[in-house]
PDB file of N, CA and C in Angstrom:
ATOM      1  N   MET A   1      14.665  -4.486 -11.905  1.00  0.00           N
ATOM      2  CA  MET A   1      13.470  -4.235 -11.071  1.00  0.00           C
ATOM      3  C   MET A   1      13.580  -5.596 -10.512  1.00  0.00           C
ATOM      4  N   SER A   2      13.044  -5.777  -8.994  1.00  0.00           N
ATOM      5  CA  SER A   2      13.159  -6.710  -8.476  1.00  0.00           C
ATOM      6  C   SER A   2      11.544  -7.811  -8.539  1.00  0.00           C
ATOM      7  N   PHE A   3      11.948  -8.973  -8.364  1.00  0.00           N
ATOM      8  CA  PHE A   3      11.145  -9.550  -8.366  1.00  0.00           C
ATOM      9  C   PHE A   3      10.154 -10.325  -7.518  1.00  0.00           C
ATOM     10  N   CYS A   4       9.641  -9.502  -6.387  1.00  0.00           N
ATOM     11  CA  CYS A   4       8.649  -8.925  -5.595  1.00  0.00           C
ATOM     12  C   CYS A   4       9.023  -8.031  -5.088  1.00  0.00           C
ATOM     13  N   SER A   5       7.673  -6.978  -5.294  1.00  0.00           N
ATOM     14  CA  SER A   5       7.951  -6.004  -4.632  1.00  0.00           C
ATOM     15  C   SER A   5       7.189  -5.428  -3.141  1.00  0.00           C
ATOM     16  N   PHE A   6       8.443  -5.036  -2.473  1.00  0.00           N
ATOM     17  CA  PHE A   6       7.677  -5.264  -0.975  1.00  0.00           C
ATOM     18  C   PHE A   6       6.794  -3.789  -0.249  1.00  0.00           C
ATOM     19  N   PHE A   7       5.748  -3.272  -0.741  1.00  0.00           N
ATOM     20  CA  PHE A   7       5.140  -2.585  -0.711  1.00  0.00           C
ATOM     21  C   PHE A   7       4.515  -2.123   0.927  1.00  0.00           C
ATOM     22  N   GLY A   8       5.031  -2.928   2.141  1.00  0.00           N
ATOM     23  CA  GLY A   8       4.815  -2.896   3.271  1.00  0.00           C
ATOM     24  C   GLY A   8       3.079  -3.422   3.806  1.00  0.00           C
ATOM     25  N   GLY A   9       3.045  -3.635   4.812  1.00  0.00           N
ATOM     26  CA  GLY A   9       1.435  -3.892   5.039  1.00  0.00           C
ATOM     27  C   GLY A   9       0.942  -5.548   4.803  1.00  0.00           C
ATOM     28  N   GLU A  10       1.972  -5.999   4.433  1.00  0.00           N
ATOM     29  CA  GLU A  10       1.733  -7.482   4.585  1.00  0.00           C
ATOM     30  C   GLU A  10       1.408  -8.497   5.882  1.00  0.00           C
ATOM     31  N   VAL A  11      -0.100  -7.925   5.784  1.00  0.00           N
ATOM     32  CA  VAL A  11      -0.767  -8.349   7.290  1.00  0.00           C
ATOM     33  C   VAL A  11      -0.843  -9.821   7.574  1.00  0.00           C
ATOM     34  N   PHE A  12      -0.284 -10.634   7.011  1.00  0.00           N
ATOM     35  CA  PHE A  12      -0.481 -12.214   7.657  1.00  0.00           C
ATOM     36  C   PHE A  12       1.467 -12.936   7.766  1.00  0.00           C
ATOM     37  N   GLN A  13       2.557 -11.924   7.779  1.00  0.00           N
ATOM     38  CA  GLN A  13       3.728 -12.367   7.823  1.00  0.00           C
ATOM     39  C   GLN A  13       3.695 -12.765   8.790  1.00  0.00           C
ATOM     40  N   ASN A  14       3.612 -11.910  10.039  1.00  0.00           N
ATOM     41  CA  ASN A  14       3.577 -12.833  11.266  1.00  0.00           C
ATOM     42  C   ASN A  14       2.536 -12.810  12.515  1.00  0.00           C
ATOM     43  N   HIS A  15       1.713 -13.335  11.513  1.00  0.00           N
ATOM     44  CA  HIS A  15       0.393 -13.977  11.829  1.00  0.00           C
ATOM     45  C   HIS A  15       0.394 -15.505  11.965  1.00  0.00           C
ATOM     46  N   PHE A  16       0.122 -15.926  13.209  1.00  0.00           N
ATOM     47  CA  PHE A  16      -0.105 -17.304  13.149  1.00  0.00           C
ATOM     48  C   PHE A  16      -1.114 -18.179  14.258  1.00  0.00           C
ATOM     49  N   GLU A  17      -2.168 -17.657  14.111  1.00  0.00           N
ATOM     50  CA  GLU A  17      -3.291 -18.157  14.677  1.00  0.00           C
ATOM     51  C   GLU A  17      -3.438 -18.951  13.838  1.00  0.00           C
ATOM     52  N   PRO A  18      -4.211 -20.094  14.542  1.00  0.00           N
ATOM     53  CA  PRO A  18      -5.004 -21.365  14.192  1.00  0.00           C
ATOM     54  C   PRO A  18      -6.204 -21.038  13.299  1.00  0.00           C
ATOM     55  N   GLY A  19      -6.190 -21.707  11.959  1.00  0.00           N
ATOM     56  CA  GLY A  19      -7.496 -21.407  10.797  1.00  0.00           C
ATOM     57  C   GLY A  19      -6.821 -21.495   9.573  1.00  0.00           C
ATOM     58  N   VAL A  20      -7.339 -21.323   8.351  1.00  0.00           N
ATOM     59  CA  VAL A  20      -7.035 -21.775   7.342  1.00  0.00           C
ATOM     60  C   VAL A  20      -7.484 -19.973   6.328  1.00  0.00           C
ATOM     61  N   TYR A  21      -6.346 -19.946   5.321  1.00  0.00           N
ATOM     62  CA  TYR A  21      -5.744 -18.705   4.481  1.00  0.00           C
ATOM     63  C   TYR A  21      -6.616 -19.305   2.979  1.00  0.00           C
ATOM     64  N   VAL A  22      -7.418 -18.304   2.824  1.00  0.00           N
ATOM     65  CA  VAL A  22      -8.054 -18.685   1.188  1.00  0.00           C
ATOM     66  C   VAL A  22      -7.933 -17.705   0.588  1.00  0.00           C
ATOM     67  N   CYS A  23      -8.412 -17.990  -0.960  1.00  0.00           N
ATOM     68  CA  CYS A  23      -8.323 -16.912  -1.844  1.00  0.00           C
ATOM     69  C   CYS A  23      -9.047 -15.764  -1.618  1.00  0.00           C
ATOM     70  N   ALA A  24      -8.527 -14.705  -1.728  1.00  0.00           N
ATOM     71  CA  ALA A  24      -9.145 -13.446  -1.959  1.00  0.00           C
ATOM     72  C   ALA A  24     -10.219 -13.453  -2.530  1.00  0.00           C
ATOM     73  N   LYS A  25     -10.531 -13.530  -3.720  1.00  0.00           N
ATOM     74  CA  LYS A  25     -11.462 -13.589  -4.702  1.00  0.00           C
ATOM     75  C   LYS A  25     -12.629 -14.373  -4.611  1.00  0.00           C
ATOM     76  N   CYS A  26     -12.357 -15.704  -4.545  1.00  0.00           N
ATOM     77  CA  CYS A  26     -13.327 -16.763  -4.568  1.00  0.00           C
ATOM     78  C   CYS A  26     -13.536 -17.464  -3.014  1.00  0.00           C
ATOM     79  N   SER A  27     -12.751 -17.234  -2.138  1.00  0.00           N
ATOM     80  CA  SER A  27     -12.909 -18.007  -0.358  1.00  0.00           C
ATOM     81  C   SER A  27     -12.702 -19.205  -0.483  1.00  0.00           C
ATOM     82  N   TYR A  28     -12.100 -20.113  -1.689  1.00  0.00           N
ATOM     83  CA  TYR A  28     -11.321 -21.328  -1.983  1.00  0.00           C
ATOM     84  C   TYR A  28     -10.526 -21.379  -0.926  1.00  0.00           C
ATOM     85  N   GLU A  29     -10.428 -22.800  -0.530  1.00  0.00           N
ATOM     86  CA  GLU A  29      -9.142 -23.044   0.938  1.00  0.00           C
ATOM     87  C   GLU A  29      -8.025 -23.413  -0.064  1.00  0.00           C
ATOM     88  N   LEU A  30      -6.823 -22.679   0.745  1.00  0.00           N
ATOM     89  CA  LEU A  30      -5.188 -22.614  -0.405  1.00  0.00           C
ATOM     90  C   LEU A  30      -4.679 -23.146   0.847  1.00  0.00           C
ATOM     91  N   PHE A  31      -4.709 -22.896   2.011  1.00  0.00           N
ATOM     92  CA  PHE A  31      -3.257 -22.919   2.969  1.00  0.00           C
ATOM     93  C   PHE A  31      -3.844 -23.257   4.771  1.00  0.00           C
ATOM     94  N   SER A  32      -3.261 -23.904   5.032  1.00  0.00           N
ATOM     95  CA  SER A  32      -3.436 -24.224   6.621  1.00  0.00           C
ATOM     96  C   SER A  32      -2.499 -23.192   7.614  1.00  0.00           C
ATOM     97  N   SER A  33      -2.694 -23.218   8.589  1.00  0.00           N
ATOM     98  CA  SER A  33      -1.839 -22.265   9.364  1.00  0.00           C
ATOM     99  C   SER A  33      -0.829 -23.370  10.086  1.00  0.00           C
ATOM    100  N   HIS A  34      -1.043 -24.478   9.660  1.00  0.00           N
ATOM    101  CA  HIS A  34      -0.643 -25.856  10.472  1.00  0.00           C
ATOM    102  C   HIS A  34       0.915 -25.841   9.203  1.00  0.00           C
ATOM    103  N   SER A  35       1.034 -25.124   8.143  1.00  0.00           N
ATOM    104  CA  SER A  35       2.119 -25.015   6.878  1.00  0.00           C
ATOM    105  C   SER A  35       2.351 -23.922   6.524  1.00  0.00           C
ATOM    106  N   LYS A  36       2.083 -23.048   7.744  1.00  0.00           N
ATOM    107  CA  LYS A  36       2.910 -21.881   7.365  1.00  0.00           C
ATOM    108  C   LYS A  36       3.888 -21.840   8.533  1.00  0.00           C
ATOM    109  N   TYR A  37       5.074 -21.536   8.299  1.00  0.00           N
ATOM    110  CA  TYR A  37       6.017 -20.497   9.087  1.00  0.00           C
ATOM    111  C   TYR A  37       7.303 -19.305   8.979  1.00  0.00           C
ATOM    112  N   ALA A  38       7.414 -19.280  10.062  1.00  0.00           N
ATOM    113  CA  ALA A  38       8.522 -18.380   9.889  1.00  0.00           C
ATOM    114  C   ALA A  38       9.461 -18.019   8.582  1.00  0.00           C
ATOM    115  N   HIS A  39       9.372 -16.455   8.133  1.00  0.00           N
ATOM    116  CA  HIS A  39      10.524 -16.301   6.793  1.00  0.00           C
ATOM    117  C   HIS A  39      10.913 -15.205   6.945  1.00  0.00           C
ATOM    118  N   SER A  40      12.270 -14.752   6.233  1.00  0.00           N
ATOM    119  CA  SER A  40      12.768 -13.597   6.104  1.00  0.00           C
ATOM    120  C   SER A  40      12.253 -12.365   5.269  1.00  0.00           C
ATOM    121  N   SER A  41      11.317 -13.000   4.473  1.00  0.00           N
ATOM    122  CA  SER A  41      10.929 -12.692   3.506  1.00  0.00           C
ATOM    123  C   SER A  41       9.665 -11.410   3.933  1.00  0.00           C
ATOM    124  N   PRO A  42       9.238 -10.361   3.662  1.00  0.00           N
ATOM    125  CA  PRO A  42       7.631  -9.602   4.400  1.00  0.00           C
ATOM    126  C   PRO A  42       6.611 -10.446   3.884  1.00  0.00           C
ATOM    127  N   TRP A  43       6.320 -11.815   2.810  1.00  0.00           N
ATOM    128  CA  TRP A  43       5.110 -12.123   3.090  1.00  0.00           C
ATOM    129  C   TRP A  43       5.022 -13.661   3.541  1.00  0.00           C
ATOM    130  N   PRO A  44       3.739 -13.606   4.086  1.00  0.00           N
ATOM    131  CA  PRO A  44       3.882 -15.111   5.031  1.00  0.00           C
ATOM    132  C   PRO A  44       4.139 -16.162   3.603  1.00  0.00           C
ATOM    133  N   ALA A  45       5.143 -17.469   4.331  1.00  0.00           N
ATOM    134  CA  ALA A  45       5.472 -18.378   3.585  1.00  0.00           C
ATOM    135  C   ALA A  45       4.315 -19.750   3.800  1.00  0.00           C
ATOM    136  N   PHE A  46       4.383 -20.959   3.058  1.00  0.00           N
ATOM    137  CA  PHE A  46       3.741 -21.544   3.200  1.00  0.00           C
ATOM    138  C   PHE A  46       4.637 -23.193   2.953  1.00  0.00           C
ATOM    139  N   THR A  47       4.488 -24.229   3.147  1.00  0.00           N
ATOM    140  CA  THR A  47       5.015 -25.495   2.503  1.00  0.00           C
ATOM    141  C   THR A  47       4.032 -26.173   1.842  1.00  0.00           C
ATOM    142  N   GLU A  48       2.948 -26.343   2.581  1.00  0.00           N
ATOM    143  CA  GLU A  48       1.704 -27.090   1.588  1.00  0.00           C
ATOM    144  C   GLU A  48       0.514 -27.111   1.122  1.00  0.00           C
ATOM    145  N   THR A  49       0.012 -27.117   0.545  1.00  0.00           N
ATOM    146  CA  THR A  49      -1.837 -26.449   0.104  1.00  0.00           C
ATOM    147  C   THR A  49      -2.322 -27.542   1.048  1.00  0.00           C
ATOM    148  N   ILE A  50      -3.662 -26.841   0.811  1.00  0.00           N
ATOM    149  CA  ILE A  50      -4.597 -27.876   1.555  1.00  0.00           C
ATOM    150  C   ILE A  50      -5.207 -28.887   0.590  1.00  0.00           C
ATOM    151  N   HIS A  51      -5.747 -29.161  -0.522  1.00  0.00           N
ATOM    152  CA  HIS A  51      -5.955 -29.662  -1.278  1.00  0.00           C
ATOM    153  C   HIS A  51      -5.082 -29.895  -2.513  1.00  0.00           C
ATOM    154  N   PRO A  52      -5.291 -31.083  -2.995  1.00  0.00           N
ATOM    155  CA  PRO A  52      -4.145 -31.037  -4.524  1.00  0.00           C
ATOM    156  C   PRO A  52      -4.174 -30.100  -5.177  1.00  0.00           C
ATOM    157  N   ASP A  53      -5.585 -29.744  -5.405  1.00  0.00           N
ATOM    158  CA  ASP A  53      -5.974 -28.721  -6.590  1.00  0.00           C
ATOM    159  C   ASP A  53      -6.165 -27.454  -5.873  1.00  0.00           C
ATOM    160  N   SER A  54      -5.668 -27.087  -4.658  1.00  0.00           N
ATOM    161  CA  SER A  54      -5.867 -26.061  -3.922  1.00  0.00           C
ATOM    162  C   SER A  54      -5.427 -24.920  -5.520  1.00  0.00           C
ATOM    163  N   VAL A  55      -4.199 -24.795  -5.756  1.00  0.00           N
ATOM    164  CA  VAL A  55      -3.547 -23.718  -6.419  1.00  0.00           C
ATOM    165  C   VAL A  55      -3.011 -24.626  -7.901  1.00  0.00           C
ATOM    166  N   THR A  56      -2.968 -24.140  -8.978  1.00  0.00           N
ATOM    167  CA  THR A  56      -2.340 -24.098 -10.157  1.00  0.00           C
ATOM    168  C   THR A  56      -0.948 -23.401 -10.550  1.00  0.00           C
ATOM    169  N   LYS A  57       0.082 -24.496 -10.623  1.00  0.00           N
ATOM    170  CA  LYS A  57       1.296 -23.186 -11.106  1.00  0.00           C
ATOM    171  C   LYS A  57       1.959 -23.359 -12.432  1.00  0.00           C
ATOM    172  N   CYS A  58       2.581 -22.774 -12.767  1.00  0.00           N
ATOM    173  CA  CYS A  58       3.481 -22.473 -13.797  1.00  0.00           C
ATOM    174  C   CYS A  58       4.909 -21.923 -13.921  1.00  0.00           C
ATOM    175  N   PRO A  59       5.442 -22.444 -15.117  1.00  0.00           N
ATOM    176  CA  PRO A  59       6.960 -22.200 -14.952  1.00  0.00           C
ATOM    177  C   PRO A  59       6.559 -19.638 -15.245  1.00  0.00           C
ATOM    178  N   GLU A  60       7.836 -19.794 -14.388  1.00  0.00           N
ATOM    179  CA  GLU A  60       7.575 -18.332 -14.367  1.00  0.00           C
ATOM    180  C   GLU A  60       8.824 -17.922 -15.353  1.00  0.00           C
ATOM    181  N   LYS A  61       8.570 -17.442 -16.488  1.00  0.00           N
ATOM    182  CA  LYS A  61       9.839 -17.041 -17.393  1.00  0.00           C
ATOM    183  C   LYS A  61      11.329 -16.411 -16.694  1.00  0.00           C
ATOM    184  N   ASN A  62      12.022 -17.320 -17.567  1.00  0.00           N
ATOM    185  CA  ASN A  62      13.199 -16.405 -16.996  1.00  0.00           C
ATOM    186  C   ASN A  62      13.647 -16.940 -15.448  1.00  0.00           C
ATOM    187  N   ARG A  63      13.212 -17.712 -14.818  1.00  0.00           N
ATOM    188  CA  ARG A  63      13.475 -17.906 -13.274  1.00  0.00           C
ATOM    189  C   ARG A  63      13.007 -19.442 -13.064  1.00  0.00           C
ATOM    190  N   PRO A  64      13.438 -20.224 -13.298  1.00  0.00           N
ATOM    191  CA  PRO A  64      14.099 -21.766 -13.331  1.00  0.00           C
ATOM    192  C   PRO A  64      13.522 -21.941 -11.992  1.00  0.00           C
ATOM    193  N   GLU A  65      13.636 -21.589 -11.217  1.00  0.00           N
ATOM    194  CA  GLU A  65      13.727 -21.852  -9.710  1.00  0.00           C
ATOM    195  C   GLU A  65      12.242 -21.104  -9.146  1.00  0.00           C
ATOM    196  N   ALA A  66      11.447 -21.005  -9.692  1.00  0.00           N
ATOM    197  CA  ALA A  66       9.866 -20.143  -9.099  1.00  0.00           C
ATOM    198  C   ALA A  66       8.728 -20.774 -10.382  1.00  0.00           C
ATOM    199  N   LEU A  67       7.811 -20.759  -9.504  1.00  0.00           N
ATOM    200  CA  LEU A  67       6.384 -20.903 -10.318  1.00  0.00           C
ATOM    201  C   LEU A  67       5.337 -19.968  -9.895  1.00  0.00           C
ATOM    202  N   LYS A  68       4.756 -19.361 -10.962  1.00  0.00           N
ATOM    203  CA  LYS A  68       3.951 -18.661 -10.778  1.00  0.00           C
ATOM    204  C   LYS A  68       2.253 -19.566  -9.988  1.00  0.00           C
ATOM    205  N   VAL A  69       1.963 -19.024  -9.240  1.00  0.00           N
ATOM    206  CA  VAL A  69       1.151 -19.841  -8.431  1.00  0.00           C
ATOM    207  C   VAL A  69      -0.851 -19.095  -8.704  1.00  0.00           C
ATOM    208  N   SER A  70      -1.476 -19.681  -8.923  1.00  0.00           N
ATOM    209  CA  SER A  70      -2.779 -19.032  -8.768  1.00  0.00           C
ATOM    210  C   SER A  70      -3.674 -19.977  -8.075  1.00  0.00           C
ATOM    211  N   CYS A  71      -5.016 -19.497  -7.582  1.00  0.00           N
ATOM    212  CA  CYS A  71      -6.096 -19.851  -7.496  1.00  0.00           C
ATOM    213  C   CYS A  71      -6.181 -21.326  -8.383  1.00  0.00           C
ATOM    214  N   GLY A  72      -6.765 -22.393  -7.747  1.00  0.00           N
ATOM    215  CA  GLY A  72      -6.980 -23.529  -8.406  1.00  0.00           C
ATOM    216  C   GLY A  72      -8.587 -23.622  -8.840  1.00  0.00           C
ATOM    217  N   LYS A  73      -9.266 -22.665  -8.405  1.00  0.00           N
ATOM    218  CA  LYS A  73     -10.444 -22.588  -8.152  1.00  0.00           C
ATOM    219  C   LYS A  73     -10.815 -21.420  -9.498  1.00  0.00           C
ATOM    220  N   CYS A  74     -10.571 -20.514  -9.441  1.00  0.00           N
ATOM    221  CA  CYS A  74     -10.937 -18.886 -10.034  1.00  0.00           C
ATOM    222  C   CYS A  74      -9.563 -18.683 -10.455  1.00  0.00           C
ATOM    223  N   GLY A  75      -8.622 -18.986 -10.683  1.00  0.00           N
ATOM    224  CA  GLY A  75      -7.746 -18.377 -11.201  1.00  0.00           C
ATOM    225  C   GLY A  75      -6.681 -17.161 -11.255  1.00  0.00           C
ATOM    226  N   ASN A  76      -7.060 -16.489  -9.607  1.00  0.00           N
ATOM    227  CA  ASN A  76      -7.118 -15.479  -9.250  1.00  0.00           C
ATOM    228  C   ASN A  76      -5.786 -15.788  -8.819  1.00  0.00           C
ATOM    229  N   GLY A  77      -4.209 -14.629  -8.968  1.00  0.00           N
ATOM    230  CA  GLY A  77      -2.826 -14.930  -8.911  1.00  0.00           C
ATOM    231  C   GLY A  77      -2.582 -14.689  -7.652  1.00  0.00           C
ATOM    232  N   LEU A  78      -1.618 -15.400  -6.747  1.00  0.00           N
ATOM    233  CA  LEU A  78      -1.037 -15.384  -5.384  1.00  0.00           C
ATOM    234  C   LEU A  78       0.184 -15.518  -5.279  1.00  0.00           C
ATOM    235  N   GLY A  79       0.439 -15.741  -6.234  1.00  0.00           N
ATOM    236  CA  GLY A  79       2.209 -15.312  -5.470  1.00  0.00           C
ATOM    237  C   GLY A  79       3.249 -16.441  -6.571  1.00  0.00           C
ATOM    238  N   HIS A  80       3.965 -16.898  -5.627  1.00  0.00           N
ATOM    239  CA  HIS A  80       4.946 -17.581  -6.732  1.00  0.00           C
ATOM    240  C   HIS A  80       5.628 -19.287  -5.648  1.00  0.00           C
ATOM    241  N   GLU A  81       5.934 -19.605  -5.858  1.00  0.00           N
ATOM    242  CA  GLU A  81       6.531 -20.804  -5.224  1.00  0.00           C
ATOM    243  C   GLU A  81       7.827 -21.459  -5.638  1.00  0.00           C
ATOM    244  N   PHE A  82       9.068 -21.407  -4.485  1.00  0.00           N
ATOM    245  CA  PHE A  82      10.050 -21.454  -4.930  1.00  0.00           C
ATOM    246  C   PHE A  82      10.446 -22.573  -4.589  1.00  0.00           C
ATOM    247  N   LEU A  83      11.026 -22.936  -5.500  1.00  0.00           N
ATOM    248  CA  LEU A  83      11.806 -24.834  -5.412  1.00  0.00           C
ATOM    249  C   LEU A  83      12.722 -24.814  -4.540  1.00  0.00           C
ATOM    250  N   ASN A  84      12.715 -25.974  -3.744  1.00  0.00           N
ATOM    251  CA  ASN A  84      13.675 -26.027  -2.968  1.00  0.00           C
ATOM    252  C   ASN A  84      14.067 -25.108  -2.062  1.00  0.00           C
ATOM    253  N   ASP A  85      13.259 -24.387  -1.937  1.00  0.00           N
ATOM    254  CA  ASP A  85      13.452 -23.333  -1.078  1.00  0.00           C
ATOM    255  C   ASP A  85      12.643 -23.001   0.662  1.00  0.00           C
ATOM    256  N   GLY A  86      12.654 -23.943   1.187  1.00  0.00           N
ATOM    257  CA  GLY A  86      11.792 -24.067   1.973  1.00  0.00           C
ATOM    258  C   GLY A  86      12.246 -24.563   3.279  1.00  0.00           C
ATOM    259  N   PRO A  87      11.741 -24.761   4.530  1.00  0.00           N
ATOM    260  CA  PRO A  87      12.339 -25.022   5.836  1.00  0.00           C
ATOM    261  C   PRO A  87      12.929 -25.986   6.042  1.00  0.00           C
ATOM    262  N   LYS A  88      12.647 -27.240   5.015  1.00  0.00           N
ATOM    263  CA  LYS A  88      13.142 -28.491   5.398  1.00  0.00           C
ATOM    264  C   LYS A  88      14.109 -28.672   3.526  1.00  0.00           C
ATOM    265  N   ARG A  89      15.345 -29.662   3.653  1.00  0.00           N
ATOM    266  CA  ARG A  89      15.489 -29.687   2.604  1.00  0.00           C
ATOM    267  C   ARG A  89      14.668 -30.713   1.718  1.00  0.00           C
ATOM    268  N   GLY A  90      14.101 -30.241   0.594  1.00  0.00           N
ATOM    269  CA  GLY A  90      14.042 -30.410  -0.559  1.00  0.00           C
ATOM    270  C   GLY A  90      12.251 -30.228  -0.763  1.00  0.00           C
ATOM    271  N   GLN A  91      11.732 -29.466   0.133  1.00  0.00           N
ATOM    272  CA  GLN A  91      10.893 -28.581   0.192  1.00  0.00           C
ATOM    273  C   GLN A  91      11.093 -27.091  -0.339  1.00  0.00           C
ATOM    274  N   SER A  92       8.991 -26.725  -0.880  1.00  0.00           N
ATOM    275  CA  SER A  92       9.720 -26.059  -2.048  1.00  0.00           C
ATOM    276  C   SER A  92       8.930 -24.532  -0.627  1.00  0.00           C
ATOM    277  N   ARG A  93       8.983 -23.723  -0.674  1.00  0.00           N
ATOM    278  CA  ARG A  93       8.461 -21.936  -0.414  1.00  0.00           C
ATOM    279  C   ARG A  93       7.198 -21.578  -1.067  1.00  0.00           C
ATOM    280  N   PHE A  94       5.944 -21.395  -0.872  1.00  0.00           N
ATOM    281  CA  PHE A  94       5.104 -20.840  -1.450  1.00  0.00           C
ATOM    282  C   PHE A  94       4.913 -19.573  -0.490  1.00  0.00           C
ATOM    283  N   ILE A  95       5.244 -17.801  -1.121  1.00  0.00           N
ATOM    284  CA  ILE A  95       4.529 -16.985  -0.855  1.00  0.00           C
ATOM    285  C   ILE A  95       3.589 -16.440  -1.440  1.00  0.00           C
ATOM    286  N   PHE A  96       2.772 -15.374  -0.520  1.00  0.00           N
ATOM    287  CA  PHE A  96       1.699 -14.912  -1.133  1.00  0.00           C
ATOM    288  C   PHE A  96       1.732 -13.205  -0.584  1.00  0.00           C
ATOM    289  N   SER A  97       0.905 -12.013  -1.004  1.00  0.00           N
ATOM    290  CA  SER A  97       0.812 -11.231  -0.643  1.00  0.00           C
ATOM    291  C   SER A  97      -0.803 -10.592  -0.162  1.00  0.00           C
ATOM    292  N   SER A  98      -1.042 -10.081  -0.673  1.00  0.00           N
ATOM    293  CA  SER A  98      -2.870  -9.624  -0.570  1.00  0.00           C
ATOM    294  C   SER A  98      -3.940 -10.654  -1.113  1.00  0.00           C
ATOM    295  N   SER A  99      -3.234 -11.269  -1.692  1.00  0.00           N
ATOM    296  CA  SER A  99      -4.642 -12.523  -2.642  1.00  0.00           C
ATOM    297  C   SER A  99      -4.931 -13.315  -1.337  1.00  0.00           C
ATOM    298  N   LEU A 100      -4.636 -13.079  -0.405  1.00  0.00           N
ATOM    299  CA  LEU A 100      -5.300 -14.077   0.712  1.00  0.00           C
ATOM    300  C   LEU A 100      -6.281 -13.394   1.819  1.00  0.00           C
ATOM    301  N   LYS A 101      -6.839 -14.453   1.782  1.00  0.00           N
ATOM    302  CA  LYS A 101      -8.225 -13.905   3.432  1.00  0.00           C
ATOM    303  C   LYS A 101      -7.948 -14.948   4.676  1.00  0.00           C
ATOM    304  N   PHE A 102      -7.653 -14.775   5.658  1.00  0.00           N
ATOM    305  CA  PHE A 102      -7.456 -15.686   6.927  1.00  0.00           C
ATOM    306  C   PHE A 102      -8.599 -16.019   7.787  1.00  0.00           C
ATOM    307  N   VAL A 103      -9.245 -17.535   7.388  1.00  0.00           N
ATOM    308  CA  VAL A 103     -10.014 -17.184   8.412  1.00  0.00           C
ATOM    309  C   VAL A 103     -10.178 -18.568   9.314  1.00  0.00           C
ATOM    310  N   PRO A 104     -10.251 -18.029  10.603  1.00  0.00           N
ATOM    311  CA  PRO A 104     -10.076 -18.628  11.918  1.00  0.00           C
ATOM    312  C   PRO A 104     -10.412 -19.654  11.804  1.00  0.00           C
ATOM    313  N   LYS A 105     -10.123 -20.510  12.901  1.00  0.00           N
ATOM    314  CA  LYS A 105     -10.301 -22.067  13.064  1.00  0.00           C
ATOM    315  C   LYS A 105     -11.719 -22.029  13.634  1.00  0.00           C
ATOM    316  N   GLY A 106     -12.945 -22.708  13.179  1.00  0.00           N
ATOM    317  CA  GLY A 106     -13.878 -23.057  13.671  1.00  0.00           C
ATOM    318  C   GLY A 106     -14.977 -22.027  13.265  1.00  0.00           C
ATOM    319  N   LYS A 107     -14.341 -21.122  11.755  1.00  0.00           N
ATOM    320  CA  LYS A 107     -15.295 -20.406  11.375  1.00  0.00           C
ATOM    321  C   LYS A 107     -15.181 -20.337   9.547  1.00  0.00           C
ATOM    322  N   GLU A 108     -14.753 -21.501   9.105  1.00  0.00           N
ATOM    323  CA  GLU A 108     -14.384 -22.166   8.091  1.00  0.00           C
ATOM    324  C   GLU A 108     -15.463 -22.387   7.147  1.00  0.00           C
ATOM    325  N   ALA A 109     -16.802 -22.984   7.768  1.00  0.00           N
ATOM    326  CA  ALA A 109     -17.873 -23.369   7.480  1.00  0.00           C
ATOM    327  C   ALA A 109     -18.952 -22.135   6.574  1.00  0.00           C
ATOM    328  N   ALA A 110     -18.701 -21.157   7.849  1.00  0.00           N
ATOM    329  CA  ALA A 110     -19.305 -19.900   7.220  1.00  0.00           C
ATOM    330  C   ALA A 110     -18.731 -18.797   6.577  1.00  0.00           C
ATOM    331  N   ALA A 111     -17.606 -19.317   5.802  1.00  0.00           N
ATOM    332  CA  ALA A 111     -16.542 -18.450   5.152  1.00  0.00           C
ATOM    333  C   ALA A 111     -16.994 -18.793   3.835  1.00  0.00           C
ATOM    334  N   SER A 112     -17.038 -20.410   3.864  1.00  0.00           N
ATOM    335  CA  SER A 112     -17.554 -21.190   2.019  1.00  0.00           C
ATOM    336  C   SER A 112     -18.804 -20.658   1.702  1.00  0.00           C
ATOM    337  N   GLN A 113     -19.442 -21.080   2.569  1.00  0.00           N
ATOM    338  CA  GLN A 113     -21.270 -20.554   2.534  1.00  0.00           C
ATOM    339  C   GLN A 113     -22.000 -19.309   2.136  1.00  0.00           C
ATOM    340  N   GLY A 114     -20.433 -18.048   2.357  1.00  0.00           N
ATOM    341  CA  GLY A 114     -20.687 -17.071   1.488  1.00  0.00           C
ATOM    342  C   GLY A 114     -20.470 -16.818  -0.299  1.00  0.00           C
ATOM    343  N   HIS A 115     -19.784 -17.920  -0.513  1.00  0.00           N
ATOM    344  CA  HIS A 115     -19.295 -18.066  -2.078  1.00  0.00           C
ATOM    345  C   HIS A 115     -19.786 -19.154  -2.428  1.00  0.00           C
TER     346      HIS A 115
END
């Protein structure tokens, strides 16, 4: 069994509009479009979070190079962080699937007022 399954339809893989990616469950701000980069995986990839507490991380069983990542506010499972696998030496890569929503630049305040 593969570590991550690809079912197609990952809408944010090639999405590079300016804005913020938020938790699909609670709308907490997670990633800025400025930290997103093109990657060969089918999922969106980011190098850093917006806030220090945007996500929580715990070691992935039997995968020392990976951390399981959850929303720092509601605990919703988001994806994984792969250590030292980012676009620059020493950077990590965060990858996520359907656990994200995108809020276009200028619409951030309206999105956070809904929750």
